[in-house]
Amino acid sequence: MIAKLRGIIDTIGEDTCIIDVNGVGYEVAASAKTLSHLHIGEETTLLTIMTVREDDISLFGFADAWEKEWFNTLTKVQGVGAKVCLSILSVLTPTQLSQAIGAQDKASFCRASGVGPKLAARIVTELKDKIVTVPVAASAHPLTSAPADESAAAPIAPQAEVDYTKSEDVTSALVNLGYQRLEAYHAASKVVAANPEANVATLIRLALKEFANKEFDV
């Protein structure tokens, strides 16, 4: 199996590129985020996954180990094929994927071509308890032709342990007040972690203050 390619970028298409490795051109499908970092004529290293079927052999390329691991994780969900997975990775970085699943934010997945409400619901439900990790050495792999998107390449920092029942109650209250679910989840997680003994009413007030002060990072 081909796990990595290093070569010169020969062609960049809408959803694929061709890498010239010692005179052999490999066609590699990749997310829009990965393709955006490539430059024709420059040497690049891509992590790859090769799939072999009766009538097809395909290569998929990734900017870093996090993107590759998320590809493996997402394609285990029924209905998420390779093309849909690359579509998801084109609109959400690995960090944003973790956040959207943690927040059960179906709308973020619906931004991807080929993902409707039912499939988005299945993704967040099946992966809600999934923790995506890669070896530290592997997570440091960048594209050599251009700086990788920091939010896509950086390992996800461990979050403080929170009371998820309180967090969900606060998130739901904020959503009912008109806030986007992912924004609400960020604010709720922050105030619950910082104030573990506070009741839900107090936490809601603190979360609203977070919005007013714009202190949390979405």
C-alpha atoms as a PDB file:
ATOM      1  CA  MET A   1       0.000   0.000   0.000  1.00  0.00           C
ATOM      2  CA  ILE A   2       1.164   3.544  -0.746  1.00  0.00           C
ATOM      3  CA  ALA A   3       1.221   5.570   2.504  1.00  0.00           C
ATOM      4  CA  LYS A   4       3.176   8.647   1.398  1.00  0.00           C
ATOM      5  CA  LEU A   5       4.267  10.364  -1.804  1.00  0.00           C
ATOM      6  CA  ARG A   6       7.047  12.880  -2.320  1.00  0.00           C
ATOM      7  CA  GLY A   7       7.397  14.505  -5.690  1.00  0.00           C
ATOM      8  CA  ILE A   8       6.843  17.524  -7.908  1.00  0.00           C
ATOM      9  CA  ILE A   9       3.326  18.888  -8.364  1.00  0.00           C
ATOM     10  CA  ASP A  10       2.608  18.509 -12.076  1.00  0.00           C
ATOM     11  CA  THR A  11      -1.093  19.403 -12.259  1.00  0.00           C
ATOM     12  CA  ILE A  12      -3.748  20.710  -9.877  1.00  0.00           C
ATOM     13  CA  GLY A  13      -7.398  20.059 -10.721  1.00  0.00           C
ATOM     14  CA  GLU A  14     -10.699  20.779  -9.023  1.00  0.00           C
ATOM     15  CA  ASP A  15     -10.479  17.825  -6.656  1.00  0.00           C
ATOM     16  CA  THR A  16      -7.271  16.031  -7.660  1.00  0.00           C
ATOM     17  CA  CYS A  17      -3.609  16.690  -8.341  1.00  0.00           C
ATOM     18  CA  ILE A  18      -0.883  14.810 -10.180  1.00  0.00           C
ATOM     19  CA  ILE A  19       2.419  14.290  -8.379  1.00  0.00           C
ATOM     20  CA  ASP A  20       5.459  13.429 -10.483  1.00  0.00           C
ATOM     21  CA  VAL A  21       7.567  10.943  -8.519  1.00  0.00           C
ATOM     22  CA  ASN A  22      10.746  10.170 -10.466  1.00  0.00           C
ATOM     23  CA  GLY A  23       8.925  10.419 -13.773  1.00  0.00           C
ATOM     24  CA  VAL A  24       5.789   8.543 -12.710  1.00  0.00           C
ATOM     25  CA  GLY A  25       2.652  10.643 -12.356  1.00  0.00           C
ATOM     26  CA  TYR A  26       0.322   9.685  -9.495  1.00  0.00           C
ATOM     27  CA  GLU A  27      -3.219  11.105  -9.547  1.00  0.00           C
ATOM     28  CA  VAL A  28      -4.247  11.909  -5.984  1.00  0.00           C
ATOM     29  CA  ALA A  29      -7.694  13.032  -4.822  1.00  0.00           C
ATOM     30  CA  ALA A  30      -7.598  15.575  -1.989  1.00  0.00           C
ATOM     31  CA  SER A  31      -9.691  18.096  -0.097  1.00  0.00           C
ATOM     32  CA  ALA A  32      -9.911  21.671  -1.292  1.00  0.00           C
ATOM     33  CA  LYS A  33      -7.965  22.761   1.795  1.00  0.00           C
ATOM     34  CA  THR A  34      -5.058  20.469   0.950  1.00  0.00           C
ATOM     35  CA  LEU A  35      -5.076  21.388  -2.749  1.00  0.00           C
ATOM     36  CA  SER A  36      -5.030  25.089  -1.871  1.00  0.00           C
ATOM     37  CA  HIS A  37      -1.559  24.655  -0.336  1.00  0.00           C
ATOM     38  CA  LEU A  38      -0.046  23.022  -3.418  1.00  0.00           C
ATOM     39  CA  HIS A  39       1.951  24.846  -6.094  1.00  0.00           C
ATOM     40  CA  ILE A  40       2.728  23.519  -9.565  1.00  0.00           C
ATOM     41  CA  GLY A  41       6.449  22.842 -10.017  1.00  0.00           C
ATOM     42  CA  GLU A  42       7.238  22.618  -6.298  1.00  0.00           C
ATOM     43  CA  GLU A  43       8.207  19.507  -4.373  1.00  0.00           C
ATOM     44  CA  THR A  44       5.564  18.308  -1.939  1.00  0.00           C
ATOM     45  CA  THR A  45       5.022  15.426   0.448  1.00  0.00           C
ATOM     46  CA  LEU A  46       1.504  14.094   0.942  1.00  0.00           C
ATOM     47  CA  LEU A  47       0.338  11.373   3.298  1.00  0.00           C
ATOM     48  CA  THR A  48      -1.848   8.988   1.324  1.00  0.00           C
ATOM     49  CA  ILE A  49      -4.434   6.240   1.569  1.00  0.00           C
ATOM     50  CA  MET A  50      -4.813   3.799  -1.295  1.00  0.00           C
ATOM     51  CA  THR A  51      -8.091   2.005  -1.843  1.00  0.00           C
ATOM     52  CA  VAL A  52      -8.300  -1.071  -4.065  1.00  0.00           C
ATOM     53  CA  ARG A  53     -11.559  -2.298  -5.548  1.00  0.00           C
ATOM     54  CA  GLU A  54     -12.374  -4.781  -8.261  1.00  0.00           C
ATOM     55  CA  ASP A  55     -12.630  -2.058 -10.899  1.00  0.00           C
ATOM     56  CA  ASP A  56     -10.696   0.831  -9.357  1.00  0.00           C
ATOM     57  CA  ILE A  57      -7.506   1.788  -7.532  1.00  0.00           C
ATOM     58  CA  SER A  58      -7.574   5.258  -5.967  1.00  0.00           C
ATOM     59  CA  LEU A  59      -5.148   7.404  -4.013  1.00  0.00           C
ATOM     60  CA  PHE A  60      -6.267  10.042  -1.508  1.00  0.00           C
ATOM     61  CA  GLY A  61      -3.829  12.654  -0.235  1.00  0.00           C
ATOM     62  CA  PHE A  62      -3.697  14.597   3.015  1.00  0.00           C
ATOM     63  CA  ALA A  63      -1.866  17.649   4.314  1.00  0.00           C
ATOM     64  CA  ASP A  64      -1.183  16.033   7.698  1.00  0.00           C
ATOM     65  CA  ALA A  65      -1.889  13.038   9.906  1.00  0.00           C
ATOM     66  CA  TRP A  66      -4.947  14.676  11.493  1.00  0.00           C
ATOM     67  CA  GLU A  67      -6.704  15.046   8.166  1.00  0.00           C
ATOM     68  CA  LYS A  68      -5.785  11.479   7.235  1.00  0.00           C
ATOM     69  CA  GLU A  69      -7.091  10.096  10.528  1.00  0.00           C
ATOM     70  CA  TRP A  70     -10.355  11.995  10.159  1.00  0.00           C
ATOM     71  CA  PHE A  71     -10.749  10.540   6.663  1.00  0.00           C
ATOM     72  CA  ASN A  72     -10.404   7.049   8.136  1.00  0.00           C
ATOM     73  CA  THR A  73     -12.868   7.897  10.909  1.00  0.00           C
ATOM     74  CA  LEU A  74     -15.526   9.545   8.748  1.00  0.00           C
ATOM     75  CA  THR A  75     -15.533   6.818   6.107  1.00  0.00           C
ATOM     76  CA  LYS A  76     -16.535   4.296   8.772  1.00  0.00           C
ATOM     77  CA  VAL A  77     -19.908   6.045   9.045  1.00  0.00           C
ATOM     78  CA  GLN A  78     -22.525   4.452   6.812  1.00  0.00           C
ATOM     79  CA  GLY A  79     -23.221   6.664   3.811  1.00  0.00           C
ATOM     80  CA  VAL A  80     -19.924   8.573   3.998  1.00  0.00           C
ATOM     81  CA  GLY A  81     -17.873   7.508   0.998  1.00  0.00           C
ATOM     82  CA  ALA A  82     -14.480   8.854   0.021  1.00  0.00           C
ATOM     83  CA  LYS A  83     -15.873  11.699  -2.098  1.00  0.00           C
ATOM     84  CA  VAL A  84     -18.285  12.853   0.614  1.00  0.00           C
ATOM     85  CA  CYS A  85     -15.477  12.633   3.157  1.00  0.00           C
ATOM     86  CA  LEU A  86     -13.220  14.883   1.066  1.00  0.00           C
ATOM     87  CA  SER A  87     -16.134  17.284   0.682  1.00  0.00           C
ATOM     88  CA  ILE A  88     -16.440  17.449   4.483  1.00  0.00           C
ATOM     89  CA  LEU A  89     -12.693  17.957   4.876  1.00  0.00           C
ATOM     90  CA  SER A  90     -12.916  20.762   2.310  1.00  0.00           C
ATOM     91  CA  VAL A  91     -15.193  22.841   4.550  1.00  0.00           C
ATOM     92  CA  LEU A  92     -14.133  21.757   8.061  1.00  0.00           C
ATOM     93  CA  THR A  93     -10.631  21.507   9.503  1.00  0.00           C
ATOM     94  CA  PRO A  94      -9.879  18.586  11.851  1.00  0.00           C
ATOM     95  CA  THR A  95     -10.245  20.923  14.832  1.00  0.00           C
ATOM     96  CA  GLN A  96     -13.596  22.203  13.558  1.00  0.00           C
ATOM     97  CA  LEU A  97     -14.726  18.618  13.017  1.00  0.00           C
ATOM     98  CA  SER A  98     -14.064  17.788  16.667  1.00  0.00           C
ATOM     99  CA  GLN A  99     -15.899  20.914  17.764  1.00  0.00           C
ATOM    100  CA  ALA A 100     -18.900  20.288  15.504  1.00  0.00           C
ATOM    101  CA  ILE A 101     -19.244  16.692  16.727  1.00  0.00           C
ATOM    102  CA  GLY A 102     -18.833  17.753  20.348  1.00  0.00           C
ATOM    103  CA  ALA A 103     -21.551  20.365  19.866  1.00  0.00           C
ATOM    104  CA  GLN A 104     -23.733  17.929  17.869  1.00  0.00           C
ATOM    105  CA  ASP A 105     -23.778  20.672  15.238  1.00  0.00           C
ATOM    106  CA  LYS A 106     -25.436  19.068  12.198  1.00  0.00           C
ATOM    107  CA  ALA A 107     -25.568  22.357  10.287  1.00  0.00           C
ATOM    108  CA  SER A 108     -21.767  22.498   9.951  1.00  0.00           C
ATOM    109  CA  PHE A 109     -21.735  19.137   8.162  1.00  0.00           C
ATOM    110  CA  CYS A 110     -24.594  20.174   5.883  1.00  0.00           C
ATOM    111  CA  ARG A 111     -22.250  22.801   4.394  1.00  0.00           C
ATOM    112  CA  ALA A 112     -20.425  19.963   2.642  1.00  0.00           C
ATOM    113  CA  SER A 113     -21.608  18.871  -0.795  1.00  0.00           C
ATOM    114  CA  GLY A 114     -23.419  15.539  -0.606  1.00  0.00           C
ATOM    115  CA  VAL A 115     -24.305  15.820   3.092  1.00  0.00           C
ATOM    116  CA  GLY A 116     -27.986  16.256   3.902  1.00  0.00           C
ATOM    117  CA  PRO A 117     -29.698  16.568   7.295  1.00  0.00           C
ATOM    118  CA  LYS A 118     -30.137  12.801   7.772  1.00  0.00           C
ATOM    119  CA  LEU A 119     -26.504  11.999   7.005  1.00  0.00           C
ATOM    120  CA  ALA A 120     -25.300  14.909   9.140  1.00  0.00           C
ATOM    121  CA  ALA A 121     -27.383  13.588  12.045  1.00  0.00           C
ATOM    122  CA  ARG A 122     -25.912  10.115  11.585  1.00  0.00           C
ATOM    123  CA  ILE A 123     -22.356  11.488  11.577  1.00  0.00           C
ATOM    124  CA  VAL A 124     -22.672  13.483  14.800  1.00  0.00           C
ATOM    125  CA  THR A 125     -24.558  10.645  16.517  1.00  0.00           C
ATOM    126  CA  GLU A 126     -22.163   7.835  15.568  1.00  0.00           C
ATOM    127  CA  LEU A 127     -19.029   9.870  16.278  1.00  0.00           C
ATOM    128  CA  LYS A 128     -20.143  11.700  19.438  1.00  0.00           C
ATOM    129  CA  ASP A 129     -17.957   9.524  21.678  1.00  0.00           C
ATOM    130  CA  LYS A 130     -15.110   9.147  19.176  1.00  0.00           C
ATOM    131  CA  ILE A 131     -11.749  10.683  20.048  1.00  0.00           C
ATOM    132  CA  VAL A 132      -9.464  11.084  17.044  1.00  0.00           C
ATOM    133  CA  THR A 133      -5.782  10.858  17.966  1.00  0.00           C
ATOM    134  CA  VAL A 134      -2.540  10.353  16.048  1.00  0.00           C
ATOM    135  CA  PRO A 135       1.060   9.901  17.253  1.00  0.00           C
ATOM    136  CA  VAL A 136       2.722  13.206  18.149  1.00  0.00           C
ATOM    137  CA  ALA A 137       5.497  12.669  15.596  1.00  0.00           C
ATOM    138  CA  ALA A 138       2.990  12.037  12.833  1.00  0.00           C
ATOM    139  CA  SER A 139       0.868  15.061  13.714  1.00  0.00           C
ATOM    140  CA  ALA A 140       3.817  17.345  13.016  1.00  0.00           C
ATOM    141  CA  HIS A 141       3.895  16.431   9.314  1.00  0.00           C
ATOM    142  CA  PRO A 142       3.309  19.552   7.176  1.00  0.00           C
ATOM    143  CA  LEU A 143       3.109  20.092   3.454  1.00  0.00           C
ATOM    144  CA  THR A 144       6.609  20.981   2.322  1.00  0.00           C
ATOM    145  CA  SER A 145       5.505  23.247  -0.518  1.00  0.00           C
ATOM    146  CA  ALA A 146       3.654  25.773   1.642  1.00  0.00           C
ATOM    147  CA  PRO A 147       2.788  26.406   5.300  1.00  0.00           C
ATOM    148  CA  ALA A 148      -0.171  24.281   6.298  1.00  0.00           C
ATOM    149  CA  ASP A 149      -3.327  25.749   7.831  1.00  0.00           C
ATOM    150  CA  GLU A 150      -2.449  25.930  11.521  1.00  0.00           C
ATOM    151  CA  SER A 151      -5.982  25.061  12.587  1.00  0.00           C
ATOM    152  CA  ALA A 152      -5.873  21.948  10.406  1.00  0.00           C
ATOM    153  CA  ALA A 153      -2.407  20.742  11.418  1.00  0.00           C
ATOM    154  CA  ALA A 154      -2.252  21.534  15.112  1.00  0.00           C
ATOM    155  CA  PRO A 155      -3.104  18.736  17.533  1.00  0.00           C
ATOM    156  CA  ILE A 156      -6.309  19.273  19.476  1.00  0.00           C
ATOM    157  CA  ALA A 157      -5.457  20.348  22.988  1.00  0.00           C
ATOM    158  CA  PRO A 158      -7.108  18.351  25.758  1.00  0.00           C
ATOM    159  CA  GLN A 159     -10.085  20.176  27.225  1.00  0.00           C
ATOM    160  CA  ALA A 160     -10.778  20.550  30.904  1.00  0.00           C
ATOM    161  CA  GLU A 161     -13.205  17.980  32.258  1.00  0.00           C
ATOM    162  CA  VAL A 162     -16.695  19.429  32.321  1.00  0.00           C
ATOM    163  CA  ASP A 163     -20.169  18.406  33.497  1.00  0.00           C
ATOM    164  CA  TYR A 164     -21.687  17.517  30.135  1.00  0.00           C
ATOM    165  CA  THR A 165     -25.243  17.521  31.475  1.00  0.00           C
ATOM    166  CA  LYS A 166     -24.869  21.135  32.579  1.00  0.00           C
ATOM    167  CA  SER A 167     -23.037  21.996  29.384  1.00  0.00           C
ATOM    168  CA  GLU A 168     -25.865  20.591  27.263  1.00  0.00           C
ATOM    169  CA  ASP A 169     -28.504  22.398  29.353  1.00  0.00           C
ATOM    170  CA  VAL A 170     -26.696  25.706  28.921  1.00  0.00           C
ATOM    171  CA  THR A 171     -26.119  25.065  25.207  1.00  0.00           C
ATOM    172  CA  SER A 172     -29.812  24.299  24.657  1.00  0.00           C
ATOM    173  CA  ALA A 173     -30.849  27.449  26.510  1.00  0.00           C
ATOM    174  CA  LEU A 174     -28.552  29.596  24.395  1.00  0.00           C
ATOM    175  CA  VAL A 175     -29.810  27.995  21.179  1.00  0.00           C
ATOM    176  CA  ASN A 176     -33.376  28.755  22.272  1.00  0.00           C
ATOM    177  CA  LEU A 177     -32.290  32.375  22.710  1.00  0.00           C
ATOM    178  CA  GLY A 178     -31.213  32.475  19.070  1.00  0.00           C
ATOM    179  CA  TYR A 179     -27.489  31.714  19.192  1.00  0.00           C
ATOM    180  CA  GLN A 180     -25.866  29.283  16.747  1.00  0.00           C
ATOM    181  CA  ARG A 181     -25.340  25.859  18.305  1.00  0.00           C
ATOM    182  CA  LEU A 182     -21.569  25.767  17.765  1.00  0.00           C
ATOM    183  CA  GLU A 183     -21.151  29.234  19.317  1.00  0.00           C
ATOM    184  CA  ALA A 184     -23.419  28.213  22.196  1.00  0.00           C
ATOM    185  CA  TYR A 185     -21.417  25.031  22.763  1.00  0.00           C
ATOM    186  CA  HIS A 186     -18.145  26.979  22.957  1.00  0.00           C
ATOM    187  CA  ALA A 187     -19.539  29.451  25.485  1.00  0.00           C
ATOM    188  CA  ALA A 188     -21.242  26.741  27.561  1.00  0.00           C
ATOM    189  CA  SER A 189     -18.154  24.522  27.686  1.00  0.00           C
ATOM    190  CA  LYS A 190     -15.995  27.441  28.788  1.00  0.00           C
ATOM    191  CA  VAL A 191     -18.212  28.649  31.633  1.00  0.00           C
ATOM    192  CA  VAL A 192     -19.000  25.138  32.905  1.00  0.00           C
ATOM    193  CA  ALA A 193     -15.289  24.265  33.028  1.00  0.00           C
ATOM    194  CA  ALA A 194     -14.490  27.525  34.835  1.00  0.00           C
ATOM    195  CA  ASN A 195     -17.442  27.321  37.253  1.00  0.00           C
ATOM    196  CA  PRO A 196     -18.091  23.626  38.018  1.00  0.00           C
ATOM    197  CA  GLU A 197     -20.138  24.333  41.156  1.00  0.00           C
ATOM    198  CA  ALA A 198     -22.466  26.923  39.593  1.00  0.00           C
ATOM    199  CA  ASN A 199     -26.085  26.056  38.830  1.00  0.00           C
ATOM    200  CA  VAL A 200     -27.499  26.164  35.309  1.00  0.00           C
ATOM    201  CA  ALA A 201     -29.179  29.556  35.711  1.00  0.00           C
ATOM    202  CA  THR A 202     -25.902  31.126  36.803  1.00  0.00           C
ATOM    203  CA  LEU A 203     -24.027  29.405  34.001  1.00  0.00           C
ATOM    204  CA  ILE A 204     -26.474  30.762  31.423  1.00  0.00           C
ATOM    205  CA  ARG A 205     -25.889  34.302  32.694  1.00  0.00           C
ATOM    206  CA  LEU A 206     -22.122  33.773  32.539  1.00  0.00           C
ATOM    207  CA  ALA A 207     -22.381  32.395  29.018  1.00  0.00           C
ATOM    208  CA  LEU A 208     -24.413  35.416  27.911  1.00  0.00           C
ATOM    209  CA  LYS A 209     -21.685  37.600  29.379  1.00  0.00           C
ATOM    210  CA  GLU A 210     -19.177  35.660  27.264  1.00  0.00           C
ATOM    211  CA  PHE A 211     -21.129  36.619  24.163  1.00  0.00           C
ATOM    212  CA  ALA A 212     -21.332  40.233  25.269  1.00  0.00           C
ATOM    213  CA  ASN A 213     -17.587  40.436  25.892  1.00  0.00           C
ATOM    214  CA  LYS A 214     -16.695  38.293  22.833  1.00  0.00           C
ATOM    215  CA  GLU A 215     -14.030  36.560  24.897  1.00  0.00           C
ATOM    216  CA  PHE A 216     -14.413  33.058  23.544  1.00  0.00           C
ATOM    217  CA  ASP A 217     -12.852  31.902  20.303  1.00  0.00           C
ATOM    218  CA  VAL A 218     -15.246  30.343  17.757  1.00  0.00           C
END
